[in-house]
Amino acid sequence: MKKLLLFDIDGTLIRSNGAGRLTLAYALETLYGTCGPLDSYNMSGKTDPRIITDLLTAVGIPAKEIEQKLPAIYELMVEHGQKIFWEKEMAPCPGIEALLNQLTARDDLLLGLLTGNAQLTAPLKLTAAGLDPLLFKVGAYGSDALDRNELPAIGMARANQLTGGNFNGNNTIIIGDTPADILCARAGRATAVAVASGWHAASTLAEYHPDHLFDNLADTDQVLDVILG
């Protein structure tokens, strides 16, 4: 049975070195003259629309207005990202390039993304970090849903539409670096692979009981054993 692998981006595939926060600040300040309480806001594991809504409602902007302007915000994030992503020296997380080389050589796996990033900014980040976005054949993005827990079903549906396959929680693996990645894997009845290559310690991730837990994805053979097992 073919398996669907859905990767988070920030902290899992790449290290973006604060670039996402800068692009968001630019977009919100350009449109609204404020980015709300961004300096103290924890973005980890949240979707872009969740973050944007939290920041702007905190300074009194109605949620309905925010929702209407999300496409404009994403476009401004891309505009700024095209200028700064390469300056931030973004890079793949340990072992990612070797792992992707192994995974993409197999015909029993379909690679995709499950990320809080908007669909417009996700490929820019990957490219700036030296990864080919075209390796990932499907995606479920923050711009698809406010609630990250809705993204697994979206990713599976898109994989089924692309391949005519029958991807569901039984043959889908979600790989991420935050508790939110583990929780959304549970929501999609998928296998949760947690990796402590981002901003959460392995001990913190372990409290959420992922199916598998790695410090990083540098041991290609060990990761492949888990994914293919």
N, C-alpha and C. Protein backbone atom coordinates (compact mmCIF):
# COMPACT_ATOMS: atom_id res chain seq x y z
N MET A 1 0.84 -1.20 0.00
CA MET A 1 0.00 0.00 0.00
C MET A 1 0.88 1.25 0.00
N LYS A 2 0.60 2.17 -0.90
CA LYS A 2 1.36 3.41 -0.98
C LYS A 2 1.08 4.27 0.25
N LYS A 3 2.12 4.99 0.70
CA LYS A 3 1.97 5.86 1.87
C LYS A 3 2.09 7.32 1.47
N LEU A 4 1.35 8.15 2.19
CA LEU A 4 1.40 9.59 2.02
C LEU A 4 2.19 10.19 3.18
N LEU A 5 3.24 10.94 2.86
CA LEU A 5 4.05 11.60 3.88
C LEU A 5 3.80 13.10 3.79
N LEU A 6 3.30 13.67 4.86
CA LEU A 6 3.00 15.11 4.89
C LEU A 6 3.96 15.80 5.87
N PHE A 7 4.82 16.64 5.33
CA PHE A 7 5.84 17.32 6.12
C PHE A 7 5.44 18.74 6.48
N ASP A 8 5.65 19.10 7.74
CA ASP A 8 5.65 20.49 8.15
C ASP A 8 6.89 21.16 7.54
N ILE A 9 6.88 22.48 7.46
CA ILE A 9 8.03 23.19 6.87
C ILE A 9 8.97 23.74 7.95
N ASP A 10 8.51 24.77 8.67
CA ASP A 10 9.41 25.48 9.59
C ASP A 10 9.77 24.62 10.80
N GLY A 11 11.06 24.39 10.99
CA GLY A 11 11.52 23.59 12.11
C GLY A 11 11.56 22.11 11.82
N THR A 12 10.96 21.70 10.71
CA THR A 12 10.96 20.28 10.32
C THR A 12 11.81 20.08 9.07
N LEU A 13 11.44 20.77 7.98
CA LEU A 13 12.23 20.71 6.75
C LEU A 13 13.33 21.77 6.73
N ILE A 14 13.02 22.96 7.22
CA ILE A 14 13.98 24.07 7.12
C ILE A 14 14.03 24.87 8.41
N ARG A 15 15.09 25.66 8.51
CA ARG A 15 15.19 26.68 9.53
C ARG A 15 15.09 28.03 8.83
N SER A 16 14.07 28.78 9.18
CA SER A 16 13.80 30.02 8.45
C SER A 16 14.38 31.26 9.13
N ASN A 17 14.95 31.08 10.32
CA ASN A 17 15.69 32.17 10.99
C ASN A 17 14.88 33.46 11.15
N GLY A 18 13.61 33.29 11.48
CA GLY A 18 12.77 34.45 11.78
C GLY A 18 12.21 35.16 10.57
N ALA A 19 12.44 34.60 9.37
CA ALA A 19 12.00 35.27 8.15
C ALA A 19 10.48 35.37 8.07
N GLY A 20 9.77 34.35 8.52
CA GLY A 20 8.32 34.37 8.46
C GLY A 20 7.73 35.47 9.31
N ARG A 21 8.30 35.67 10.48
CA ARG A 21 7.82 36.73 11.38
C ARG A 21 8.03 38.10 10.73
N LEU A 22 9.15 38.28 10.05
CA LEU A 22 9.44 39.57 9.41
C LEU A 22 8.49 39.85 8.25
N THR A 23 8.18 38.82 7.46
CA THR A 23 7.28 39.03 6.33
C THR A 23 5.87 39.34 6.82
N LEU A 24 5.47 38.68 7.90
CA LEU A 24 4.15 38.93 8.46
C LEU A 24 4.07 40.35 9.01
N ALA A 25 5.10 40.78 9.74
CA ALA A 25 5.12 42.14 10.28
C ALA A 25 5.01 43.17 9.15
N TYR A 26 5.74 42.94 8.07
CA TYR A 26 5.69 43.86 6.93
C TYR A 26 4.27 43.96 6.36
N ALA A 27 3.65 42.79 6.16
CA ALA A 27 2.31 42.77 5.55
C ALA A 27 1.28 43.47 6.42
N LEU A 28 1.29 43.19 7.72
CA LEU A 28 0.30 43.77 8.61
C LEU A 28 0.52 45.27 8.80
N GLU A 29 1.77 45.68 8.91
CA GLU A 29 2.04 47.11 9.07
C GLU A 29 1.71 47.88 7.79
N THR A 30 1.91 47.25 6.65
CA THR A 30 1.59 47.90 5.38
C THR A 30 0.08 48.11 5.25
N LEU A 31 -0.70 47.09 5.60
CA LEU A 31 -2.15 47.17 5.42
C LEU A 31 -2.85 47.88 6.57
N TYR A 32 -2.38 47.67 7.79
CA TYR A 32 -3.11 48.15 8.97
C TYR A 32 -2.36 49.18 9.81
N GLY A 33 -1.08 49.34 9.53
CA GLY A 33 -0.30 50.26 10.35
C GLY A 33 0.09 49.68 11.69
N THR A 34 -0.19 48.40 11.91
CA THR A 34 0.15 47.72 13.16
C THR A 34 0.26 46.22 12.90
N CYS A 35 1.09 45.57 13.66
CA CYS A 35 1.14 44.10 13.61
C CYS A 35 0.69 43.51 14.94
N GLY A 36 0.01 44.34 15.74
CA GLY A 36 -0.51 43.84 17.01
C GLY A 36 0.62 43.39 17.94
N PRO A 37 0.32 42.50 18.86
CA PRO A 37 1.32 42.07 19.85
C PRO A 37 2.26 40.99 19.31
N LEU A 38 2.80 41.21 18.11
CA LEU A 38 3.61 40.19 17.45
C LEU A 38 4.87 39.83 18.24
N ASP A 39 5.47 40.82 18.88
CA ASP A 39 6.74 40.58 19.58
C ASP A 39 6.59 39.53 20.68
N SER A 40 5.41 39.45 21.28
CA SER A 40 5.21 38.51 22.39
C SER A 40 4.37 37.29 21.99
N TYR A 41 4.01 37.21 20.72
CA TYR A 41 3.08 36.16 20.28
C TYR A 41 3.84 34.89 19.90
N ASN A 42 3.34 33.75 20.36
CA ASN A 42 3.94 32.44 20.04
C ASN A 42 3.29 31.89 18.78
N MET A 43 4.02 31.87 17.68
CA MET A 43 3.49 31.44 16.39
C MET A 43 3.58 29.93 16.19
N SER A 44 4.29 29.25 17.07
CA SER A 44 4.63 27.84 16.85
C SER A 44 3.41 26.96 16.61
N GLY A 45 3.39 26.27 15.47
CA GLY A 45 2.35 25.31 15.18
C GLY A 45 1.04 25.89 14.70
N LYS A 46 0.94 27.20 14.63
CA LYS A 46 -0.32 27.83 14.24
C LYS A 46 -0.35 28.11 12.74
N THR A 47 -1.55 28.18 12.18
CA THR A 47 -1.68 28.54 10.77
C THR A 47 -1.56 30.05 10.61
N ASP A 48 -1.16 30.48 9.41
CA ASP A 48 -1.05 31.91 9.16
C ASP A 48 -2.36 32.66 9.45
N PRO A 49 -3.53 32.17 8.99
CA PRO A 49 -4.75 32.92 9.30
C PRO A 49 -5.08 32.96 10.79
N ARG A 50 -4.71 31.91 11.53
CA ARG A 50 -4.92 31.93 12.99
C ARG A 50 -4.05 33.01 13.63
N ILE A 51 -2.80 33.07 13.21
CA ILE A 51 -1.87 34.06 13.75
C ILE A 51 -2.35 35.47 13.42
N ILE A 52 -2.69 35.69 12.15
CA ILE A 52 -3.12 37.02 11.70
C ILE A 52 -4.37 37.45 12.44
N THR A 53 -5.32 36.54 12.57
CA THR A 53 -6.57 36.86 13.26
C THR A 53 -6.33 37.19 14.72
N ASP A 54 -5.50 36.39 15.39
CA ASP A 54 -5.20 36.66 16.80
C ASP A 54 -4.54 38.03 16.97
N LEU A 55 -3.57 38.34 16.13
CA LEU A 55 -2.82 39.59 16.28
C LEU A 55 -3.70 40.81 16.03
N LEU A 56 -4.55 40.74 15.01
CA LEU A 56 -5.33 41.91 14.64
C LEU A 56 -6.59 42.09 15.50
N THR A 57 -7.21 40.98 15.91
CA THR A 57 -8.36 41.14 16.81
C THR A 57 -7.91 41.68 18.16
N ALA A 58 -6.65 41.41 18.52
CA ALA A 58 -6.12 41.93 19.78
C ALA A 58 -6.05 43.45 19.80
N VAL A 59 -6.01 44.05 18.61
CA VAL A 59 -5.98 45.52 18.56
C VAL A 59 -7.29 46.07 18.00
N GLY A 60 -8.36 45.25 18.08
CA GLY A 60 -9.70 45.75 17.82
C GLY A 60 -10.20 45.67 16.39
N ILE A 61 -9.49 44.97 15.52
CA ILE A 61 -9.95 44.86 14.13
C ILE A 61 -10.92 43.68 14.02
N PRO A 62 -12.09 43.87 13.41
CA PRO A 62 -13.09 42.81 13.36
C PRO A 62 -12.61 41.59 12.56
N ALA A 63 -12.95 40.40 13.04
CA ALA A 63 -12.51 39.16 12.39
C ALA A 63 -12.99 39.08 10.95
N LYS A 64 -14.20 39.57 10.68
CA LYS A 64 -14.74 39.49 9.32
C LYS A 64 -13.90 40.32 8.35
N GLU A 65 -13.48 41.49 8.78
CA GLU A 65 -12.62 42.33 7.95
C GLU A 65 -11.27 41.66 7.70
N ILE A 66 -10.75 41.04 8.74
CA ILE A 66 -9.46 40.34 8.61
C ILE A 66 -9.57 39.23 7.58
N GLU A 67 -10.64 38.46 7.67
CA GLU A 67 -10.82 37.35 6.74
C GLU A 67 -10.87 37.83 5.29
N GLN A 68 -11.55 38.93 5.07
CA GLN A 68 -11.67 39.46 3.71
C GLN A 68 -10.32 39.91 3.15
N LYS A 69 -9.44 40.34 4.02
CA LYS A 69 -8.16 40.87 3.56
C LYS A 69 -7.02 39.84 3.60
N LEU A 70 -7.31 38.59 3.96
CA LEU A 70 -6.25 37.58 4.02
C LEU A 70 -5.51 37.43 2.69
N PRO A 71 -6.21 37.36 1.54
CA PRO A 71 -5.45 37.22 0.28
C PRO A 71 -4.47 38.36 0.05
N ALA A 72 -4.86 39.58 0.40
CA ALA A 72 -3.96 40.73 0.25
C ALA A 72 -2.77 40.61 1.19
N ILE A 73 -3.01 40.11 2.39
CA ILE A 73 -1.91 39.92 3.35
C ILE A 73 -0.92 38.89 2.82
N TYR A 74 -1.43 37.79 2.30
CA TYR A 74 -0.53 36.76 1.76
C TYR A 74 0.32 37.30 0.62
N GLU A 75 -0.29 38.11 -0.24
CA GLU A 75 0.45 38.67 -1.37
C GLU A 75 1.56 39.61 -0.89
N LEU A 76 1.29 40.38 0.14
CA LEU A 76 2.32 41.25 0.71
C LEU A 76 3.43 40.44 1.37
N MET A 77 3.07 39.32 1.99
CA MET A 77 4.09 38.45 2.59
C MET A 77 5.01 37.89 1.51
N VAL A 78 4.45 37.52 0.37
CA VAL A 78 5.26 37.03 -0.74
C VAL A 78 6.17 38.15 -1.25
N GLU A 79 5.59 39.34 -1.41
CA GLU A 79 6.38 40.48 -1.90
C GLU A 79 7.61 40.71 -1.04
N HIS A 80 7.41 40.68 0.28
CA HIS A 80 8.55 40.93 1.18
C HIS A 80 9.46 39.70 1.26
N GLY A 81 8.84 38.52 1.22
CA GLY A 81 9.64 37.29 1.28
C GLY A 81 10.60 37.17 0.12
N GLN A 82 10.18 37.61 -1.05
CA GLN A 82 11.06 37.56 -2.22
C GLN A 82 12.30 38.42 -2.02
N LYS A 83 12.20 39.41 -1.15
CA LYS A 83 13.33 40.30 -0.88
C LYS A 83 14.22 39.77 0.24
N ILE A 84 13.61 39.16 1.27
CA ILE A 84 14.40 38.88 2.47
C ILE A 84 14.71 37.40 2.72
N PHE A 85 13.97 36.49 2.12
CA PHE A 85 14.18 35.08 2.45
C PHE A 85 15.62 34.65 2.18
N TRP A 86 16.18 35.11 1.07
CA TRP A 86 17.54 34.71 0.75
C TRP A 86 18.56 35.39 1.64
N GLU A 87 18.23 36.57 2.14
CA GLU A 87 19.14 37.28 3.04
C GLU A 87 19.23 36.60 4.41
N LYS A 88 18.20 35.85 4.78
CA LYS A 88 18.13 35.28 6.13
C LYS A 88 18.91 33.97 6.24
N GLU A 89 19.56 33.55 5.16
CA GLU A 89 20.38 32.33 5.17
C GLU A 89 19.59 31.13 5.69
N MET A 90 18.38 30.98 5.17
CA MET A 90 17.56 29.82 5.52
C MET A 90 18.25 28.56 5.01
N ALA A 91 18.05 27.44 5.72
CA ALA A 91 18.76 26.21 5.38
C ALA A 91 17.92 25.00 5.76
N PRO A 92 18.18 23.86 5.11
CA PRO A 92 17.49 22.63 5.50
C PRO A 92 17.87 22.21 6.92
N CYS A 93 16.96 21.58 7.61
CA CYS A 93 17.27 20.98 8.91
C CYS A 93 18.20 19.79 8.70
N PRO A 94 18.89 19.35 9.75
CA PRO A 94 19.86 18.25 9.61
C PRO A 94 19.24 17.00 8.99
N GLY A 95 19.91 16.47 7.97
CA GLY A 95 19.51 15.21 7.36
C GLY A 95 18.43 15.30 6.31
N ILE A 96 17.83 16.46 6.13
CA ILE A 96 16.65 16.56 5.26
C ILE A 96 17.00 16.27 3.80
N GLU A 97 18.10 16.81 3.32
CA GLU A 97 18.42 16.61 1.90
C GLU A 97 18.66 15.14 1.60
N ALA A 98 19.41 14.46 2.46
CA ALA A 98 19.68 13.03 2.25
C ALA A 98 18.39 12.22 2.35
N LEU A 99 17.54 12.58 3.31
CA LEU A 99 16.27 11.86 3.48
C LEU A 99 15.37 12.04 2.26
N LEU A 100 15.26 13.27 1.77
CA LEU A 100 14.40 13.50 0.61
C LEU A 100 14.93 12.78 -0.63
N ASN A 101 16.24 12.70 -0.76
CA ASN A 101 16.81 11.94 -1.88
C ASN A 101 16.36 10.49 -1.85
N GLN A 102 16.33 9.91 -0.66
CA GLN A 102 15.91 8.51 -0.51
C GLN A 102 14.40 8.36 -0.74
N LEU A 103 13.64 9.27 -0.18
CA LEU A 103 12.18 9.15 -0.26
C LEU A 103 11.68 9.34 -1.69
N THR A 104 12.24 10.30 -2.40
CA THR A 104 11.75 10.59 -3.75
C THR A 104 12.18 9.53 -4.76
N ALA A 105 13.11 8.68 -4.38
CA ALA A 105 13.54 7.60 -5.29
C ALA A 105 12.58 6.41 -5.25
N ARG A 106 11.63 6.44 -4.33
CA ARG A 106 10.71 5.32 -4.15
C ARG A 106 9.37 5.60 -4.83
N ASP A 107 8.77 4.56 -5.36
CA ASP A 107 7.46 4.73 -6.01
C ASP A 107 6.31 4.30 -5.12
N ASP A 108 6.63 3.91 -3.87
CA ASP A 108 5.56 3.52 -2.95
C ASP A 108 5.26 4.61 -1.93
N LEU A 109 5.79 5.81 -2.18
CA LEU A 109 5.57 6.94 -1.29
C LEU A 109 5.14 8.16 -2.09
N LEU A 110 4.25 8.95 -1.52
CA LEU A 110 3.87 10.23 -2.10
C LEU A 110 4.20 11.31 -1.07
N LEU A 111 5.01 12.28 -1.46
CA LEU A 111 5.42 13.33 -0.54
C LEU A 111 4.54 14.56 -0.69
N GLY A 112 4.20 15.15 0.46
CA GLY A 112 3.40 16.36 0.46
C GLY A 112 3.78 17.25 1.62
N LEU A 113 3.10 18.38 1.70
CA LEU A 113 3.32 19.35 2.77
C LEU A 113 2.06 19.48 3.62
N LEU A 114 2.24 19.65 4.90
CA LEU A 114 1.16 20.05 5.80
C LEU A 114 1.74 21.14 6.68
N THR A 115 1.37 22.38 6.38
CA THR A 115 2.06 23.52 6.98
C THR A 115 1.10 24.64 7.32
N GLY A 116 1.44 25.38 8.35
CA GLY A 116 0.67 26.56 8.68
C GLY A 116 0.91 27.72 7.73
N ASN A 117 1.96 27.62 6.91
CA ASN A 117 2.25 28.66 5.93
C ASN A 117 1.14 28.75 4.89
N ALA A 118 0.95 29.95 4.36
CA ALA A 118 0.05 30.12 3.23
C ALA A 118 0.64 29.45 1.99
N GLN A 119 -0.22 29.06 1.08
CA GLN A 119 0.22 28.34 -0.11
C GLN A 119 1.19 29.19 -0.95
N LEU A 120 1.03 30.50 -0.92
CA LEU A 120 1.90 31.37 -1.72
C LEU A 120 3.32 31.44 -1.16
N THR A 121 3.46 31.40 0.16
CA THR A 121 4.78 31.59 0.75
C THR A 121 5.55 30.28 0.94
N ALA A 122 4.84 29.15 1.04
CA ALA A 122 5.51 27.88 1.31
C ALA A 122 6.61 27.55 0.29
N PRO A 123 6.33 27.59 -1.03
CA PRO A 123 7.39 27.24 -1.97
C PRO A 123 8.55 28.23 -1.96
N LEU A 124 8.28 29.50 -1.66
CA LEU A 124 9.36 30.48 -1.57
C LEU A 124 10.33 30.12 -0.46
N LYS A 125 9.79 29.73 0.69
CA LYS A 125 10.65 29.36 1.82
C LYS A 125 11.51 28.15 1.48
N LEU A 126 10.89 27.13 0.89
CA LEU A 126 11.64 25.93 0.54
C LEU A 126 12.77 26.25 -0.43
N THR A 127 12.45 27.03 -1.45
CA THR A 127 13.45 27.39 -2.46
C THR A 127 14.60 28.17 -1.84
N ALA A 128 14.27 29.11 -0.96
CA ALA A 128 15.31 29.91 -0.31
C ALA A 128 16.23 29.06 0.55
N ALA A 129 15.71 27.94 1.06
CA ALA A 129 16.52 27.04 1.88
C ALA A 129 17.21 25.96 1.04
N GLY A 130 17.05 26.03 -0.27
CA GLY A 130 17.74 25.09 -1.15
C GLY A 130 17.01 23.80 -1.41
N LEU A 131 15.70 23.73 -1.10
CA LEU A 131 14.90 22.54 -1.36
C LEU A 131 13.96 22.81 -2.53
N ASP A 132 13.72 21.79 -3.33
CA ASP A 132 12.86 21.91 -4.50
C ASP A 132 11.40 21.71 -4.10
N PRO A 133 10.56 22.73 -4.20
CA PRO A 133 9.15 22.56 -3.83
C PRO A 133 8.43 21.49 -4.65
N LEU A 134 8.93 21.21 -5.85
CA LEU A 134 8.27 20.25 -6.73
C LEU A 134 8.42 18.81 -6.25
N LEU A 135 9.28 18.60 -5.25
CA LEU A 135 9.38 17.27 -4.65
C LEU A 135 8.09 16.90 -3.92
N PHE A 136 7.34 17.92 -3.53
CA PHE A 136 6.13 17.71 -2.73
C PHE A 136 4.92 17.86 -3.66
N LYS A 137 4.28 16.74 -3.92
CA LYS A 137 3.28 16.68 -4.99
C LYS A 137 1.92 17.23 -4.57
N VAL A 138 1.65 17.25 -3.28
CA VAL A 138 0.39 17.80 -2.77
C VAL A 138 0.69 18.65 -1.55
N GLY A 139 -0.30 19.43 -1.13
CA GLY A 139 -0.10 20.23 0.07
C GLY A 139 -1.41 20.61 0.72
N ALA A 140 -1.35 20.78 2.03
CA ALA A 140 -2.44 21.36 2.81
C ALA A 140 -1.81 22.52 3.56
N TYR A 141 -2.35 23.71 3.37
CA TYR A 141 -1.68 24.94 3.79
C TYR A 141 -2.52 25.72 4.79
N GLY A 142 -1.84 26.62 5.50
CA GLY A 142 -2.55 27.48 6.43
C GLY A 142 -3.64 28.29 5.76
N SER A 143 -3.42 28.65 4.51
CA SER A 143 -4.43 29.43 3.80
C SER A 143 -5.67 28.60 3.47
N ASP A 144 -5.62 27.30 3.70
CA ASP A 144 -6.79 26.44 3.47
C ASP A 144 -7.74 26.40 4.66
N ALA A 145 -7.24 26.65 5.86
CA ALA A 145 -8.08 26.51 7.05
C ALA A 145 -7.44 27.26 8.22
N LEU A 146 -8.28 27.88 9.03
CA LEU A 146 -7.81 28.53 10.24
C LEU A 146 -7.28 27.51 11.25
N ASP A 147 -7.96 26.37 11.31
CA ASP A 147 -7.67 25.32 12.29
C ASP A 147 -6.75 24.28 11.66
N ARG A 148 -5.56 24.13 12.20
CA ARG A 148 -4.59 23.17 11.66
C ARG A 148 -5.15 21.75 11.63
N ASN A 149 -6.03 21.43 12.55
CA ASN A 149 -6.56 20.06 12.62
C ASN A 149 -7.43 19.70 11.41
N GLU A 150 -7.81 20.69 10.62
CA GLU A 150 -8.56 20.41 9.40
C GLU A 150 -7.65 20.05 8.23
N LEU A 151 -6.36 20.31 8.37
CA LEU A 151 -5.45 20.16 7.23
C LEU A 151 -5.16 18.71 6.83
N PRO A 152 -5.08 17.74 7.76
CA PRO A 152 -4.83 16.37 7.31
C PRO A 152 -5.87 15.88 6.31
N ALA A 153 -7.14 16.11 6.57
CA ALA A 153 -8.19 15.66 5.66
C ALA A 153 -8.05 16.33 4.30
N ILE A 154 -7.65 17.61 4.30
CA ILE A 154 -7.45 18.33 3.03
C ILE A 154 -6.28 17.73 2.26
N GLY A 155 -5.20 17.44 2.96
CA GLY A 155 -4.04 16.83 2.30
C GLY A 155 -4.35 15.47 1.71
N MET A 156 -5.06 14.65 2.46
CA MET A 156 -5.43 13.32 1.97
C MET A 156 -6.36 13.43 0.75
N ALA A 157 -7.33 14.34 0.82
CA ALA A 157 -8.26 14.50 -0.29
C ALA A 157 -7.53 14.93 -1.56
N ARG A 158 -6.58 15.82 -1.42
CA ARG A 158 -5.82 16.28 -2.59
C ARG A 158 -4.94 15.16 -3.15
N ALA A 159 -4.38 14.35 -2.25
CA ALA A 159 -3.58 13.21 -2.71
C ALA A 159 -4.45 12.21 -3.47
N ASN A 160 -5.65 11.98 -2.98
CA ASN A 160 -6.57 11.06 -3.66
C ASN A 160 -7.00 11.62 -5.01
N GLN A 161 -7.24 12.91 -5.05
CA GLN A 161 -7.65 13.54 -6.31
C GLN A 161 -6.52 13.47 -7.34
N LEU A 162 -5.28 13.64 -6.88
CA LEU A 162 -4.13 13.61 -7.78
C LEU A 162 -3.86 12.22 -8.33
N THR A 163 -3.97 11.23 -7.46
CA THR A 163 -3.51 9.88 -7.82
C THR A 163 -4.63 8.89 -8.09
N GLY A 164 -5.86 9.24 -7.68
CA GLY A 164 -6.93 8.25 -7.75
C GLY A 164 -6.78 7.18 -6.69
N GLY A 165 -5.94 7.45 -5.70
CA GLY A 165 -5.66 6.48 -4.64
C GLY A 165 -6.68 6.55 -3.52
N ASN A 166 -6.36 5.85 -2.44
CA ASN A 166 -7.24 5.80 -1.28
C ASN A 166 -6.44 6.12 -0.03
N PHE A 167 -5.95 7.34 0.05
CA PHE A 167 -5.19 7.75 1.22
C PHE A 167 -6.13 8.14 2.35
N ASN A 168 -5.82 7.63 3.53
CA ASN A 168 -6.58 7.94 4.74
C ASN A 168 -5.61 7.88 5.91
N GLY A 169 -6.13 7.95 7.12
CA GLY A 169 -5.25 7.95 8.28
C GLY A 169 -4.40 6.70 8.41
N ASN A 170 -4.85 5.59 7.85
CA ASN A 170 -4.12 4.33 7.98
C ASN A 170 -2.82 4.31 7.18
N ASN A 171 -2.74 5.11 6.12
CA ASN A 171 -1.53 5.09 5.30
C ASN A 171 -0.95 6.49 5.11
N THR A 172 -1.21 7.37 6.09
CA THR A 172 -0.67 8.73 6.06
C THR A 172 0.18 8.97 7.30
N ILE A 173 1.34 9.57 7.08
CA ILE A 173 2.27 9.92 8.15
C ILE A 173 2.47 11.42 8.14
N ILE A 174 2.29 12.06 9.29
CA ILE A 174 2.49 13.50 9.42
C ILE A 174 3.73 13.75 10.25
N ILE A 175 4.66 14.52 9.70
CA ILE A 175 5.98 14.72 10.30
C ILE A 175 6.12 16.19 10.65
N GLY A 176 6.33 16.48 11.94
CA GLY A 176 6.42 17.87 12.35
C GLY A 176 7.17 18.05 13.66
N ASP A 177 7.43 19.30 14.00
CA ASP A 177 8.30 19.61 15.14
C ASP A 177 7.58 20.24 16.32
N THR A 178 6.24 20.32 16.26
CA THR A 178 5.51 20.98 17.36
C THR A 178 4.42 20.06 17.90
N PRO A 179 3.94 20.34 19.12
CA PRO A 179 2.79 19.61 19.62
C PRO A 179 1.58 19.71 18.68
N ALA A 180 1.42 20.85 18.00
CA ALA A 180 0.29 21.02 17.09
C ALA A 180 0.34 20.03 15.93
N ASP A 181 1.55 19.66 15.50
CA ASP A 181 1.68 18.66 14.44
C ASP A 181 1.20 17.30 14.92
N ILE A 182 1.53 16.97 16.16
CA ILE A 182 1.08 15.70 16.73
C ILE A 182 -0.43 15.68 16.88
N LEU A 183 -0.98 16.79 17.37
CA LEU A 183 -2.42 16.86 17.57
C LEU A 183 -3.18 16.80 16.25
N CYS A 184 -2.65 17.43 15.21
CA CYS A 184 -3.37 17.39 13.94
C CYS A 184 -3.26 16.02 13.30
N ALA A 185 -2.14 15.32 13.53
CA ALA A 185 -2.06 13.94 13.07
C ALA A 185 -3.13 13.09 13.74
N ARG A 186 -3.33 13.31 15.04
CA ARG A 186 -4.37 12.58 15.76
C ARG A 186 -5.75 12.92 15.18
N ALA A 187 -5.98 14.20 14.88
CA ALA A 187 -7.27 14.61 14.31
C ALA A 187 -7.53 13.93 12.97
N GLY A 188 -6.45 13.67 12.21
CA GLY A 188 -6.59 13.00 10.93
C GLY A 188 -6.44 11.50 11.00
N ARG A 189 -6.34 10.98 12.23
CA ARG A 189 -6.15 9.54 12.45
C ARG A 189 -4.93 9.00 11.72
N ALA A 190 -3.91 9.86 11.60
CA ALA A 190 -2.68 9.51 10.90
C ALA A 190 -1.58 9.19 11.90
N THR A 191 -0.49 8.64 11.40
CA THR A 191 0.68 8.37 12.23
C THR A 191 1.42 9.68 12.48
N ALA A 192 1.77 9.92 13.73
CA ALA A 192 2.46 11.16 14.12
C ALA A 192 3.95 10.89 14.33
N VAL A 193 4.78 11.51 13.50
CA VAL A 193 6.23 11.45 13.68
C VAL A 193 6.68 12.84 14.13
N ALA A 194 7.20 12.93 15.34
CA ALA A 194 7.64 14.21 15.89
C ALA A 194 9.16 14.29 15.82
N VAL A 195 9.66 15.49 15.56
CA VAL A 195 11.10 15.70 15.46
C VAL A 195 11.47 16.98 16.21
N ALA A 196 12.48 16.88 17.06
CA ALA A 196 12.85 18.01 17.93
C ALA A 196 13.91 18.89 17.26
N SER A 197 13.70 19.18 15.99
CA SER A 197 14.65 20.01 15.24
C SER A 197 14.21 21.46 15.19
N GLY A 198 13.08 21.76 15.82
CA GLY A 198 12.57 23.13 15.81
C GLY A 198 12.73 23.79 17.16
N TRP A 199 11.62 24.24 17.75
CA TRP A 199 11.67 25.05 18.97
C TRP A 199 11.16 24.30 20.20
N HIS A 200 10.88 23.01 20.05
CA HIS A 200 10.37 22.23 21.17
C HIS A 200 11.33 21.07 21.47
N ALA A 201 11.64 20.92 22.74
CA ALA A 201 12.53 19.84 23.15
C ALA A 201 11.83 18.50 22.97
N ALA A 202 12.64 17.46 22.79
CA ALA A 202 12.09 16.11 22.65
C ALA A 202 11.23 15.74 23.87
N SER A 203 11.64 16.19 25.05
CA SER A 203 10.88 15.87 26.26
C SER A 203 9.49 16.50 26.22
N THR A 204 9.39 17.70 25.65
CA THR A 204 8.09 18.37 25.51
C THR A 204 7.22 17.62 24.50
N LEU A 205 7.79 17.27 23.37
CA LEU A 205 7.03 16.54 22.34
C LEU A 205 6.56 15.18 22.87
N ALA A 206 7.39 14.55 23.69
CA ALA A 206 7.04 13.23 24.22
C ALA A 206 5.78 13.27 25.07
N GLU A 207 5.51 14.41 25.68
CA GLU A 207 4.30 14.54 26.51
C GLU A 207 3.02 14.41 25.69
N TYR A 208 3.11 14.59 24.38
CA TYR A 208 1.95 14.50 23.50
C TYR A 208 1.84 13.13 22.82
N HIS A 209 2.73 12.23 23.20
CA HIS A 209 2.66 10.82 22.80
C HIS A 209 2.59 10.61 21.28
N PRO A 210 3.60 11.13 20.55
CA PRO A 210 3.65 10.81 19.13
C PRO A 210 3.93 9.32 18.93
N ASP A 211 3.64 8.82 17.76
CA ASP A 211 3.94 7.41 17.47
C ASP A 211 5.44 7.17 17.40
N HIS A 212 6.16 8.16 16.92
CA HIS A 212 7.63 8.08 16.82
C HIS A 212 8.20 9.45 17.13
N LEU A 213 9.40 9.46 17.73
CA LEU A 213 10.02 10.72 18.13
C LEU A 213 11.51 10.66 17.82
N PHE A 214 11.99 11.69 17.12
CA PHE A 214 13.40 11.80 16.79
C PHE A 214 13.95 13.13 17.29
N ASP A 215 15.23 13.14 17.65
CA ASP A 215 15.88 14.42 17.95
C ASP A 215 16.02 15.24 16.67
N ASN A 216 16.34 14.56 15.58
CA ASN A 216 16.37 15.19 14.25
C ASN A 216 16.22 14.06 13.24
N LEU A 217 16.24 14.40 11.95
CA LEU A 217 16.04 13.38 10.92
C LEU A 217 17.34 13.05 10.20
N ALA A 218 18.47 13.19 10.91
CA ALA A 218 19.78 13.00 10.30
C ALA A 218 20.13 11.54 10.05
N ASP A 219 19.58 10.62 10.84
CA ASP A 219 19.86 9.19 10.65
C ASP A 219 18.87 8.64 9.62
N THR A 220 19.26 8.74 8.35
CA THR A 220 18.34 8.41 7.25
C THR A 220 17.80 6.99 7.36
N ASP A 221 18.68 6.04 7.65
CA ASP A 221 18.24 4.64 7.71
C ASP A 221 17.20 4.43 8.81
N GLN A 222 17.42 5.04 9.95
CA GLN A 222 16.48 4.88 11.07
C GLN A 222 15.12 5.50 10.72
N VAL A 223 15.15 6.67 10.10
CA VAL A 223 13.89 7.33 9.73
C VAL A 223 13.16 6.49 8.67
N LEU A 224 13.90 5.97 7.71
CA LEU A 224 13.27 5.14 6.69
C LEU A 224 12.65 3.89 7.29
N ASP A 225 13.30 3.30 8.27
CA ASP A 225 12.74 2.11 8.94
C ASP A 225 11.38 2.43 9.55
N VAL A 226 11.27 3.60 10.17
CA VAL A 226 9.99 4.01 10.78
C VAL A 226 8.93 4.26 9.71
N ILE A 227 9.31 4.99 8.68
CA ILE A 227 8.35 5.37 7.65
C ILE A 227 7.87 4.16 6.85
N LEU A 228 8.77 3.25 6.57
CA LEU A 228 8.43 2.11 5.73
C LEU A 228 7.93 0.92 6.53
N GLY A 229 8.09 0.96 7.86
CA GLY A 229 7.75 -0.16 8.69
C GLY A 229 6.25 -0.38 8.80
